[in-house]
Amino acid sequence: MNTITITINQTKSTPVLNFFEKLLARIEWFRVRNHLRIVEKELRQKNVGHLSLELRQEREKNITRLHQYWTSGLYPKNPDFLDKRVPYFKDAVNTPCAMAYLIEQSGYQDLVNAVARSNNHVYINDIQDGPVMDWINKSGLTKAEAARVQPTYGGCGFGGCPDPIFAILPWIVGSVGFILLEWLSYKISSWIALDNSKRRLAAWFYFTISNLLIAFIIGGLFVQFARGFLY
């Protein structure tokens, strides 16, 4: 089966593509940062009086490490999966995810490197035993909390989208579809209520609401078509 791919020459990127690339990268960066900020707040608010003193101390250390991590603003990039979010223990330039950072800072860098080599995109929830679970059990965090600490990263990573036009085309297609539908709706509304302006406006408003939904569906269908066609 032949595979069709589209490659964008970054040296020939237009200002519009550059703008959307930076915008999408910034949105993804903010999403990850805000997720980790919320997780830190959740961890600090939880009552952990049932834990031993040693585990409470380890928990506090890891929460402090999490704060240091998300405020640094340095997160992994996902250049490999354009159309979905996936976890990275470490990216191509060895930037650790939040969970990997906690493990590294507690003195287990070899463990992080081993996971990155063997199963770099593993979800914490899918780990049932082994060294990572041993670390979690000693960290003062539950497995569910550790899974919350582990974000996923979108294809429009912090260095920009590998193919920014793929990300903006659905919006362009949906917008064009909406404009055409609005023009058609205006014509139909004028025909339905030629001599009644209030009725004409009411009909046009009804069509506009419908057009927004249709345009959203068109954009969504285009995404599915593009994924099936390009990948």
C-alpha atoms as a PDB file:
ATOM      1  CA  MET A   1       0.000   0.000   0.000  1.00  0.00           C
ATOM      2  CA  ASN A   2       1.418   3.347  -1.053  1.00  0.00           C
ATOM      3  CA  THR A   3       1.804   5.973   1.652  1.00  0.00           C
ATOM      4  CA  ILE A   4       1.281   9.623   0.816  1.00  0.00           C
ATOM      5  CA  THR A   5       3.078  12.123   2.970  1.00  0.00           C
ATOM      6  CA  ILE A   6       3.214  15.882   2.962  1.00  0.00           C
ATOM      7  CA  THR A   7       6.414  17.652   3.930  1.00  0.00           C
ATOM      8  CA  ILE A   8       6.574  21.364   4.683  1.00  0.00           C
ATOM      9  CA  ASN A   9       9.862  23.055   3.939  1.00  0.00           C
ATOM     10  CA  GLN A  10      10.416  25.162   7.043  1.00  0.00           C
ATOM     11  CA  THR A  11      12.632  27.575   5.106  1.00  0.00           C
ATOM     12  CA  LYS A  12       9.665  28.428   2.900  1.00  0.00           C
ATOM     13  CA  SER A  13       7.065  28.775   5.651  1.00  0.00           C
ATOM     14  CA  THR A  14       4.727  31.659   5.163  1.00  0.00           C
ATOM     15  CA  PRO A  15       4.147  34.245   7.910  1.00  0.00           C
ATOM     16  CA  VAL A  16       0.645  32.806   8.388  1.00  0.00           C
ATOM     17  CA  LEU A  17       1.971  29.290   8.987  1.00  0.00           C
ATOM     18  CA  ASN A  18       4.668  30.616  11.296  1.00  0.00           C
ATOM     19  CA  PHE A  19       2.029  32.462  13.303  1.00  0.00           C
ATOM     20  CA  PHE A  20      -0.189  29.389  13.685  1.00  0.00           C
ATOM     21  CA  GLU A  21       2.819  27.211  14.477  1.00  0.00           C
ATOM     22  CA  LYS A  22       3.855  29.493  17.329  1.00  0.00           C
ATOM     23  CA  LEU A  23       0.272  29.926  18.528  1.00  0.00           C
ATOM     24  CA  LEU A  24      -0.398  26.182  18.670  1.00  0.00           C
ATOM     25  CA  ALA A  25       2.932  25.554  20.377  1.00  0.00           C
ATOM     26  CA  ARG A  26       2.121  28.190  22.991  1.00  0.00           C
ATOM     27  CA  ILE A  27      -1.325  26.716  23.619  1.00  0.00           C
ATOM     28  CA  GLU A  28       0.191  23.251  24.112  1.00  0.00           C
ATOM     29  CA  TRP A  29       2.845  24.637  26.467  1.00  0.00           C
ATOM     30  CA  PHE A  30       0.187  26.415  28.532  1.00  0.00           C
ATOM     31  CA  ARG A  31      -2.006  23.292  28.640  1.00  0.00           C
ATOM     32  CA  VAL A  32       0.787  21.142  30.106  1.00  0.00           C
ATOM     33  CA  ARG A  33       1.913  23.860  32.524  1.00  0.00           C
ATOM     34  CA  ASN A  34      -1.627  24.451  33.773  1.00  0.00           C
ATOM     35  CA  HIS A  35      -2.254  20.719  34.180  1.00  0.00           C
ATOM     36  CA  LEU A  36       0.818  20.322  36.373  1.00  0.00           C
ATOM     37  CA  ARG A  37      -0.053  23.439  38.383  1.00  0.00           C
ATOM     38  CA  ILE A  38      -3.493  21.981  39.129  1.00  0.00           C
ATOM     39  CA  VAL A  39      -1.993  18.596  40.048  1.00  0.00           C
ATOM     40  CA  GLU A  40       0.371  20.239  42.527  1.00  0.00           C
ATOM     41  CA  LYS A  41      -2.581  22.010  44.143  1.00  0.00           C
ATOM     42  CA  GLU A  42      -4.506  18.733  44.377  1.00  0.00           C
ATOM     43  CA  LEU A  43      -1.565  16.965  45.991  1.00  0.00           C
ATOM     44  CA  ARG A  44      -1.066  19.700  48.581  1.00  0.00           C
ATOM     45  CA  GLN A  45      -4.741  19.739  49.531  1.00  0.00           C
ATOM     46  CA  LYS A  46      -5.067  15.995  50.102  1.00  0.00           C
ATOM     47  CA  ASN A  47      -5.174  14.748  53.664  1.00  0.00           C
ATOM     48  CA  VAL A  48      -2.291  12.277  54.111  1.00  0.00           C
ATOM     49  CA  GLY A  49      -2.414  11.849  57.870  1.00  0.00           C
ATOM     50  CA  HIS A  50      -2.660   8.083  57.407  1.00  0.00           C
ATOM     51  CA  LEU A  51       0.837   7.929  55.888  1.00  0.00           C
ATOM     52  CA  SER A  52       3.926   7.260  57.925  1.00  0.00           C
ATOM     53  CA  LEU A  53       6.245  10.163  58.748  1.00  0.00           C
ATOM     54  CA  GLU A  54       8.793   8.859  56.227  1.00  0.00           C
ATOM     55  CA  LEU A  55       6.233   8.691  53.422  1.00  0.00           C
ATOM     56  CA  ARG A  56       4.863  12.152  54.251  1.00  0.00           C
ATOM     57  CA  GLN A  57       8.386  13.542  54.048  1.00  0.00           C
ATOM     58  CA  GLU A  58       9.001  11.850  50.691  1.00  0.00           C
ATOM     59  CA  ARG A  59       5.655  13.132  49.431  1.00  0.00           C
ATOM     60  CA  GLU A  60       6.550  16.700  50.383  1.00  0.00           C
ATOM     61  CA  LYS A  61       9.901  16.390  48.609  1.00  0.00           C
ATOM     62  CA  ASN A  62       8.200  15.160  45.453  1.00  0.00           C
ATOM     63  CA  ILE A  63       5.591  17.915  45.515  1.00  0.00           C
ATOM     64  CA  THR A  64       8.403  20.453  45.859  1.00  0.00           C
ATOM     65  CA  ARG A  65      10.167  18.828  42.896  1.00  0.00           C
ATOM     66  CA  LEU A  66       6.952  18.980  40.892  1.00  0.00           C
ATOM     67  CA  HIS A  67       6.671  22.700  41.611  1.00  0.00           C
ATOM     68  CA  GLN A  68      10.264  23.238  40.499  1.00  0.00           C
ATOM     69  CA  TYR A  69       9.579  21.262  37.339  1.00  0.00           C
ATOM     70  CA  TRP A  70       6.423  22.966  36.087  1.00  0.00           C
ATOM     71  CA  THR A  71       7.656  26.467  36.928  1.00  0.00           C
ATOM     72  CA  SER A  72      10.804  25.835  34.860  1.00  0.00           C
ATOM     73  CA  GLY A  73       8.651  25.652  31.732  1.00  0.00           C
ATOM     74  CA  LEU A  74      10.828  22.972  30.106  1.00  0.00           C
ATOM     75  CA  TYR A  75       8.706  20.057  28.919  1.00  0.00           C
ATOM     76  CA  PRO A  76       9.171  17.248  26.365  1.00  0.00           C
ATOM     77  CA  LYS A  77       8.317  17.764  22.697  1.00  0.00           C
ATOM     78  CA  ASN A  78       6.313  15.320  20.623  1.00  0.00           C
ATOM     79  CA  PRO A  79       7.586  15.295  17.019  1.00  0.00           C
ATOM     80  CA  ASP A  80       6.598  11.646  16.426  1.00  0.00           C
ATOM     81  CA  PHE A  81       2.804  11.502  16.773  1.00  0.00           C
ATOM     82  CA  LEU A  82       1.275  14.340  14.784  1.00  0.00           C
ATOM     83  CA  ASP A  83      -2.374  13.517  15.359  1.00  0.00           C
ATOM     84  CA  LYS A  84      -2.512  12.492  19.031  1.00  0.00           C
ATOM     85  CA  ARG A  85      -1.191  13.130  22.523  1.00  0.00           C
ATOM     86  CA  VAL A  86       1.153  10.568  24.021  1.00  0.00           C
ATOM     87  CA  PRO A  87       3.345  10.409  27.125  1.00  0.00           C
ATOM     88  CA  TYR A  88       7.118  10.731  26.848  1.00  0.00           C
ATOM     89  CA  PHE A  89       9.396   9.666  29.685  1.00  0.00           C
ATOM     90  CA  LYS A  90      12.122  11.560  27.825  1.00  0.00           C
ATOM     91  CA  ASP A  91      12.041  13.254  24.459  1.00  0.00           C
ATOM     92  CA  ALA A  92      14.695  13.200  21.721  1.00  0.00           C
ATOM     93  CA  VAL A  93      16.889  15.735  23.558  1.00  0.00           C
ATOM     94  CA  ASN A  94      16.469  13.988  26.943  1.00  0.00           C
ATOM     95  CA  THR A  95      13.962  16.443  28.408  1.00  0.00           C
ATOM     96  CA  PRO A  96      12.155  14.426  31.107  1.00  0.00           C
ATOM     97  CA  CYS A  97       8.446  14.442  31.760  1.00  0.00           C
ATOM     98  CA  ALA A  98       7.256  15.498  35.214  1.00  0.00           C
ATOM     99  CA  MET A  99       7.158  11.932  36.510  1.00  0.00           C
ATOM    100  CA  ALA A 100      10.618  11.153  35.138  1.00  0.00           C
ATOM    101  CA  TYR A 101      11.932  14.351  36.728  1.00  0.00           C
ATOM    102  CA  LEU A 102      10.639  13.333  40.168  1.00  0.00           C
ATOM    103  CA  ILE A 103      12.295   9.937  39.842  1.00  0.00           C
ATOM    104  CA  GLU A 104      15.567  11.410  38.590  1.00  0.00           C
ATOM    105  CA  GLN A 105      15.766  14.010  41.344  1.00  0.00           C
ATOM    106  CA  SER A 106      15.290  11.334  43.984  1.00  0.00           C
ATOM    107  CA  GLY A 107      18.464   9.612  42.779  1.00  0.00           C
ATOM    108  CA  TYR A 108      17.118   7.101  40.240  1.00  0.00           C
ATOM    109  CA  GLN A 109      18.370   8.494  36.930  1.00  0.00           C
ATOM    110  CA  ASP A 110      19.357   5.029  35.729  1.00  0.00           C
ATOM    111  CA  LEU A 111      15.757   3.894  36.176  1.00  0.00           C
ATOM    112  CA  VAL A 112      14.451   6.805  34.102  1.00  0.00           C
ATOM    113  CA  ASN A 113      16.969   6.086  31.351  1.00  0.00           C
ATOM    114  CA  ALA A 114      16.006   2.424  31.344  1.00  0.00           C
ATOM    115  CA  VAL A 115      12.303   3.219  30.978  1.00  0.00           C
ATOM    116  CA  ALA A 116      13.040   5.775  28.244  1.00  0.00           C
ATOM    117  CA  ARG A 117      14.982   3.144  26.305  1.00  0.00           C
ATOM    118  CA  SER A 118      12.578   0.246  26.740  1.00  0.00           C
ATOM    119  CA  ASN A 119       9.089   1.811  26.855  1.00  0.00           C
ATOM    120  CA  ASN A 120       9.320   5.573  26.488  1.00  0.00           C
ATOM    121  CA  HIS A 121       5.591   6.101  25.892  1.00  0.00           C
ATOM    122  CA  VAL A 122       4.306   3.939  28.718  1.00  0.00           C
ATOM    123  CA  TYR A 123       1.378   5.185  30.788  1.00  0.00           C
ATOM    124  CA  ILE A 124       1.850   4.999  34.550  1.00  0.00           C
ATOM    125  CA  ASN A 125      -1.603   3.407  34.813  1.00  0.00           C
ATOM    126  CA  ASP A 126      -0.374   0.526  32.647  1.00  0.00           C
ATOM    127  CA  ILE A 127       2.556  -0.289  34.946  1.00  0.00           C
ATOM    128  CA  GLN A 128       1.621  -3.114  37.305  1.00  0.00           C
ATOM    129  CA  ASP A 129       4.952  -3.989  38.918  1.00  0.00           C
ATOM    130  CA  GLY A 130       8.700  -3.548  38.618  1.00  0.00           C
ATOM    131  CA  PRO A 131      11.122  -0.753  39.596  1.00  0.00           C
ATOM    132  CA  VAL A 132       8.776   2.130  38.736  1.00  0.00           C
ATOM    133  CA  MET A 133       6.037   0.723  40.967  1.00  0.00           C
ATOM    134  CA  ASP A 134       8.615   0.170  43.689  1.00  0.00           C
ATOM    135  CA  TRP A 135       9.568   3.842  43.448  1.00  0.00           C
ATOM    136  CA  ILE A 136       5.927   4.982  43.562  1.00  0.00           C
ATOM    137  CA  ASN A 137       5.303   2.875  46.662  1.00  0.00           C
ATOM    138  CA  LYS A 138       8.149   4.695  48.426  1.00  0.00           C
ATOM    139  CA  SER A 139       7.339   8.168  47.064  1.00  0.00           C
ATOM    140  CA  GLY A 140       4.389   9.086  49.283  1.00  0.00           C
ATOM    141  CA  LEU A 141       2.216   9.268  46.162  1.00  0.00           C
ATOM    142  CA  THR A 142      -0.464   6.848  45.093  1.00  0.00           C
ATOM    143  CA  LYS A 143      -0.400   5.270  41.655  1.00  0.00           C
ATOM    144  CA  ALA A 144      -3.388   7.396  40.632  1.00  0.00           C
ATOM    145  CA  GLU A 145      -1.559  10.543  41.760  1.00  0.00           C
ATOM    146  CA  ALA A 146       1.567   9.518  39.868  1.00  0.00           C
ATOM    147  CA  ALA A 147      -0.568   9.016  36.760  1.00  0.00           C
ATOM    148  CA  ARG A 148      -1.935  12.545  37.202  1.00  0.00           C
ATOM    149  CA  VAL A 149       1.624  13.876  37.400  1.00  0.00           C
ATOM    150  CA  GLN A 150       2.353  12.296  33.997  1.00  0.00           C
ATOM    151  CA  PRO A 151       1.025  14.539  31.184  1.00  0.00           C
ATOM    152  CA  THR A 152       0.642  13.608  27.556  1.00  0.00           C
ATOM    153  CA  TYR A 153       2.089  15.806  24.823  1.00  0.00           C
ATOM    154  CA  GLY A 154       0.387  16.880  21.611  1.00  0.00           C
ATOM    155  CA  GLY A 155       1.872  16.732  18.138  1.00  0.00           C
ATOM    156  CA  CYS A 156       2.038  20.532  18.116  1.00  0.00           C
ATOM    157  CA  GLY A 157       4.830  20.528  20.666  1.00  0.00           C
ATOM    158  CA  PHE A 158       6.754  23.368  22.225  1.00  0.00           C
ATOM    159  CA  GLY A 159       9.073  23.701  19.247  1.00  0.00           C
ATOM    160  CA  GLY A 160       6.121  24.079  16.916  1.00  0.00           C
ATOM    161  CA  CYS A 161       4.015  21.643  14.920  1.00  0.00           C
ATOM    162  CA  PRO A 162       5.863  19.232  12.634  1.00  0.00           C
ATOM    163  CA  ASP A 163       3.148  20.050  10.105  1.00  0.00           C
ATOM    164  CA  PRO A 164       1.262  23.173  11.223  1.00  0.00           C
ATOM    165  CA  ILE A 165      -0.914  23.256   8.121  1.00  0.00           C
ATOM    166  CA  PHE A 166      -2.431  19.934   9.238  1.00  0.00           C
ATOM    167  CA  ALA A 167      -3.561  21.612  12.448  1.00  0.00           C
ATOM    168  CA  ILE A 168      -5.065  24.733  10.854  1.00  0.00           C
ATOM    169  CA  LEU A 169      -6.656  23.241   7.731  1.00  0.00           C
ATOM    170  CA  PRO A 170      -9.732  21.903   9.592  1.00  0.00           C
ATOM    171  CA  TRP A 171     -10.398  25.431  10.875  1.00  0.00           C
ATOM    172  CA  ILE A 172      -9.936  26.863   7.398  1.00  0.00           C
ATOM    173  CA  VAL A 173     -12.229  24.268   5.836  1.00  0.00           C
ATOM    174  CA  GLY A 174     -14.845  24.759   8.557  1.00  0.00           C
ATOM    175  CA  SER A 175     -14.679  28.553   8.218  1.00  0.00           C
ATOM    176  CA  VAL A 176     -15.038  28.455   4.440  1.00  0.00           C
ATOM    177  CA  GLY A 177     -17.959  26.075   4.810  1.00  0.00           C
ATOM    178  CA  PHE A 178     -19.587  28.388   7.350  1.00  0.00           C
ATOM    179  CA  ILE A 179     -19.202  31.445   5.106  1.00  0.00           C
ATOM    180  CA  LEU A 180     -20.753  29.626   2.149  1.00  0.00           C
ATOM    181  CA  LEU A 181     -23.612  28.338   4.293  1.00  0.00           C
ATOM    182  CA  GLU A 182     -24.222  31.829   5.679  1.00  0.00           C
ATOM    183  CA  TRP A 183     -24.401  33.271   2.168  1.00  0.00           C
ATOM    184  CA  LEU A 184     -26.847  30.562   1.125  1.00  0.00           C
ATOM    185  CA  SER A 185     -28.868  31.052   4.332  1.00  0.00           C
ATOM    186  CA  TYR A 186     -29.168  34.780   3.680  1.00  0.00           C
ATOM    187  CA  LYS A 187     -30.531  34.092   0.222  1.00  0.00           C
ATOM    188  CA  ILE A 188     -33.011  31.536   1.552  1.00  0.00           C
ATOM    189  CA  SER A 189     -34.084  33.823   4.425  1.00  0.00           C
ATOM    190  CA  SER A 190     -34.674  36.685   2.013  1.00  0.00           C
ATOM    191  CA  TRP A 191     -36.738  34.405  -0.189  1.00  0.00           C
ATOM    192  CA  ILE A 192     -38.787  33.046   2.741  1.00  0.00           C
ATOM    193  CA  ALA A 193     -39.599  36.479   4.220  1.00  0.00           C
ATOM    194  CA  LEU A 194     -39.023  38.959   1.444  1.00  0.00           C
ATOM    195  CA  ASP A 195     -41.270  41.677   2.917  1.00  0.00           C
ATOM    196  CA  ASN A 196     -40.919  40.906   6.634  1.00  0.00           C
ATOM    197  CA  SER A 197     -37.559  42.006   8.070  1.00  0.00           C
ATOM    198  CA  LYS A 198     -38.159  40.549  11.544  1.00  0.00           C
ATOM    199  CA  ARG A 199     -39.123  37.186  10.158  1.00  0.00           C
ATOM    200  CA  ARG A 200     -36.149  37.311   7.793  1.00  0.00           C
ATOM    201  CA  LEU A 201     -33.741  38.027  10.663  1.00  0.00           C
ATOM    202  CA  ALA A 202     -35.299  35.262  12.778  1.00  0.00           C
ATOM    203  CA  ALA A 203     -34.879  32.777   9.943  1.00  0.00           C
ATOM    204  CA  TRP A 204     -31.295  33.875   9.351  1.00  0.00           C
ATOM    205  CA  PHE A 205     -30.506  33.530  13.068  1.00  0.00           C
ATOM    206  CA  TYR A 206     -31.900  29.992  13.044  1.00  0.00           C
ATOM    207  CA  PHE A 207     -29.811  29.130   9.990  1.00  0.00           C
ATOM    208  CA  THR A 208     -26.691  30.650  11.598  1.00  0.00           C
ATOM    209  CA  ILE A 209     -26.951  28.377  14.646  1.00  0.00           C
ATOM    210  CA  SER A 210     -27.376  25.390  12.354  1.00  0.00           C
ATOM    211  CA  ASN A 211     -24.492  26.514  10.181  1.00  0.00           C
ATOM    212  CA  LEU A 212     -22.118  26.693  13.162  1.00  0.00           C
ATOM    213  CA  LEU A 213     -22.912  23.074  14.001  1.00  0.00           C
ATOM    214  CA  ILE A 214     -22.563  21.974  10.377  1.00  0.00           C
ATOM    215  CA  ALA A 215     -19.245  23.821   9.987  1.00  0.00           C
ATOM    216  CA  PHE A 216     -17.915  22.145  13.150  1.00  0.00           C
ATOM    217  CA  ILE A 217     -18.927  18.739  11.748  1.00  0.00           C
ATOM    218  CA  ILE A 218     -17.297  19.562   8.405  1.00  0.00           C
ATOM    219  CA  GLY A 219     -14.033  20.440  10.169  1.00  0.00           C
ATOM    220  CA  GLY A 220     -14.180  17.244  12.233  1.00  0.00           C
ATOM    221  CA  LEU A 221     -14.862  15.094   9.181  1.00  0.00           C
ATOM    222  CA  PHE A 222     -11.960  16.749   7.406  1.00  0.00           C
ATOM    223  CA  VAL A 223      -9.631  15.792  10.289  1.00  0.00           C
ATOM    224  CA  GLN A 224     -10.735  12.163  10.025  1.00  0.00           C
ATOM    225  CA  PHE A 225     -10.325  12.217   6.245  1.00  0.00           C
ATOM    226  CA  ALA A 226      -6.870  13.796   6.488  1.00  0.00           C
ATOM    227  CA  ARG A 227      -5.703  11.243   9.051  1.00  0.00           C
ATOM    228  CA  GLY A 228      -6.886   8.363   6.907  1.00  0.00           C
ATOM    229  CA  PHE A 229      -5.397   9.859   3.755  1.00  0.00           C
ATOM    230  CA  LEU A 230      -2.030  10.980   5.087  1.00  0.00           C
ATOM    231  CA  TYR A 231      -1.181   8.239   7.570  1.00  0.00           C
END
